């Protein structure tokens, strides 16, 4: 993006089997690219569990330690609801409302 941020797009299901990889990839993007903001686009994520939420929070903390602000850029309605239930939506800078252009199938 032109504002010095980097966008990482994630799609599909994120669960205990893929959460560690997500965290590692996000931390790698933060530490290797060193953007001012790392925007995590979750608009195409169809499922995430508590391990995935933990991975996002962990990546956010690790990125923050490197001076990179990690925020949720877009979130499907399901993902946004899961982040709210876990109480981390504001911590992760998730939008208050789902993206109005997001089409859920």
Protein backbone atom coordinates (compact mmCIF):
# COMPACT_ATOMS: atom_id res chain seq x y z
CA UNK A 1 0.00 0.00 0.00
CA UNK A 2 1.10 3.56 -0.55
CA UNK A 3 0.93 4.43 3.16
CA UNK A 4 3.91 2.25 4.12
CA UNK A 5 1.78 -0.66 5.20
CA UNK A 6 1.88 -4.26 4.03
CA UNK A 7 -1.23 -6.38 3.49
CA UNK A 8 -1.21 -10.11 4.14
CA UNK A 9 -4.29 -11.84 2.72
CA UNK A 10 -5.46 -15.00 4.44
CA UNK A 11 -8.14 -17.36 3.15
CA UNK A 12 -9.89 -20.57 4.08
CA UNK A 13 -10.00 -22.20 7.50
CA UNK A 14 -7.59 -21.36 10.29
CA UNK A 15 -7.56 -23.86 13.13
CA UNK A 16 -5.17 -25.64 15.48
CA UNK A 17 -3.53 -27.31 12.50
CA UNK A 18 -2.69 -24.08 10.67
CA UNK A 19 -2.56 -21.46 13.44
CA UNK A 20 1.17 -21.85 14.10
CA UNK A 21 1.96 -21.34 10.42
CA UNK A 22 -0.24 -18.23 10.33
CA UNK A 23 1.58 -16.76 13.33
CA UNK A 24 5.00 -17.54 11.86
CA UNK A 25 4.07 -16.05 8.48
CA UNK A 26 2.71 -12.86 10.03
CA UNK A 27 5.76 -12.42 12.26
CA UNK A 28 8.02 -13.06 9.25
CA UNK A 29 6.19 -10.41 7.22
CA UNK A 30 6.57 -7.96 10.09
CA UNK A 31 10.24 -8.63 10.78
CA UNK A 32 11.45 -9.01 7.21
CA UNK A 33 9.48 -6.20 5.57
CA UNK A 34 9.30 -3.88 8.61
CA UNK A 35 6.20 -1.97 7.49
CA UNK A 36 4.73 0.66 9.79
CA UNK A 37 1.47 -1.32 9.74
CA UNK A 38 0.86 -4.95 8.88
CA UNK A 39 -2.75 -5.27 7.71
CA UNK A 40 -4.17 -8.78 7.95
CA UNK A 41 -6.98 -9.24 5.44
CA UNK A 42 -9.31 -11.93 6.81
CA UNK A 43 -12.12 -11.22 4.36
CA UNK A 44 -11.86 -14.69 2.79
CA UNK A 45 -11.45 -16.65 6.02
CA UNK A 46 -14.37 -19.04 6.44
CA UNK A 47 -13.51 -20.44 9.87
CA UNK A 48 -11.20 -19.73 12.77
CA UNK A 49 -10.96 -21.31 16.19
CA UNK A 50 -9.40 -20.29 19.49
CA UNK A 51 -5.94 -21.39 18.30
CA UNK A 52 -6.28 -19.02 15.35
CA UNK A 53 -7.33 -16.16 17.63
CA UNK A 54 -4.32 -16.92 19.82
CA UNK A 55 -2.06 -16.90 16.77
CA UNK A 56 -3.32 -13.47 15.73
CA UNK A 57 -2.82 -12.05 19.22
CA UNK A 58 0.62 -13.64 19.50
CA UNK A 59 1.67 -12.30 16.12
CA UNK A 60 0.38 -8.88 17.08
CA UNK A 61 2.52 -8.90 20.24
CA UNK A 62 5.63 -10.10 18.41
CA UNK A 63 5.16 -7.58 15.60
CA UNK A 64 4.62 -4.83 18.18
CA UNK A 65 7.90 -5.71 19.85
CA UNK A 66 9.52 -5.03 16.46
CA UNK A 67 7.77 -1.66 16.11
CA UNK A 68 5.16 -2.93 13.63
CA UNK A 69 1.47 -2.39 14.30
CA UNK A 70 -0.57 -5.45 13.27
CA UNK A 71 -4.25 -4.81 12.60
CA UNK A 72 -7.14 -6.65 11.04
CA UNK A 73 -7.77 -5.01 7.68
CA UNK A 74 -10.99 -6.77 6.70
CA UNK A 75 -12.95 -9.52 8.36
CA UNK A 76 -15.82 -11.66 7.22
CA UNK A 77 -18.89 -11.37 9.45
CA UNK A 78 -18.08 -14.79 10.96
CA UNK A 79 -14.50 -13.80 11.76
CA UNK A 80 -15.54 -10.46 13.20
CA UNK A 81 -18.06 -12.22 15.45
CA UNK A 82 -15.41 -14.71 16.63
CA UNK A 83 -12.96 -11.91 17.42
CA UNK A 84 -15.67 -10.07 19.39
CA UNK A 85 -16.61 -13.21 21.33
CA UNK A 86 -12.94 -13.71 22.22
CA UNK A 87 -12.74 -10.06 23.29
CA UNK A 88 -9.80 -9.23 21.02
CA UNK A 89 -11.50 -7.29 18.22
CA UNK A 90 -10.42 -3.90 19.56
CA UNK A 91 -6.96 -5.15 20.52
CA UNK A 92 -6.46 -6.26 16.92
CA UNK A 93 -7.95 -3.08 15.47
CA UNK A 94 -10.76 -5.02 13.79
CA UNK A 95 -13.35 -2.86 12.03
CA UNK A 96 -16.49 -2.11 14.01
CA UNK A 97 -18.66 -3.54 11.22
CA UNK A 98 -18.04 -6.15 8.53
CA UNK A 99 -16.88 -4.85 5.18
CA UNK A 100 -20.08 -3.80 3.36
CA UNK A 101 -18.65 -5.11 0.09
CA UNK A 102 -18.02 -8.55 1.57
CA UNK A 103 -20.27 -11.21 0.11
CA UNK A 104 -20.78 -14.24 2.32
CA UNK A 105 -21.53 -17.56 0.68
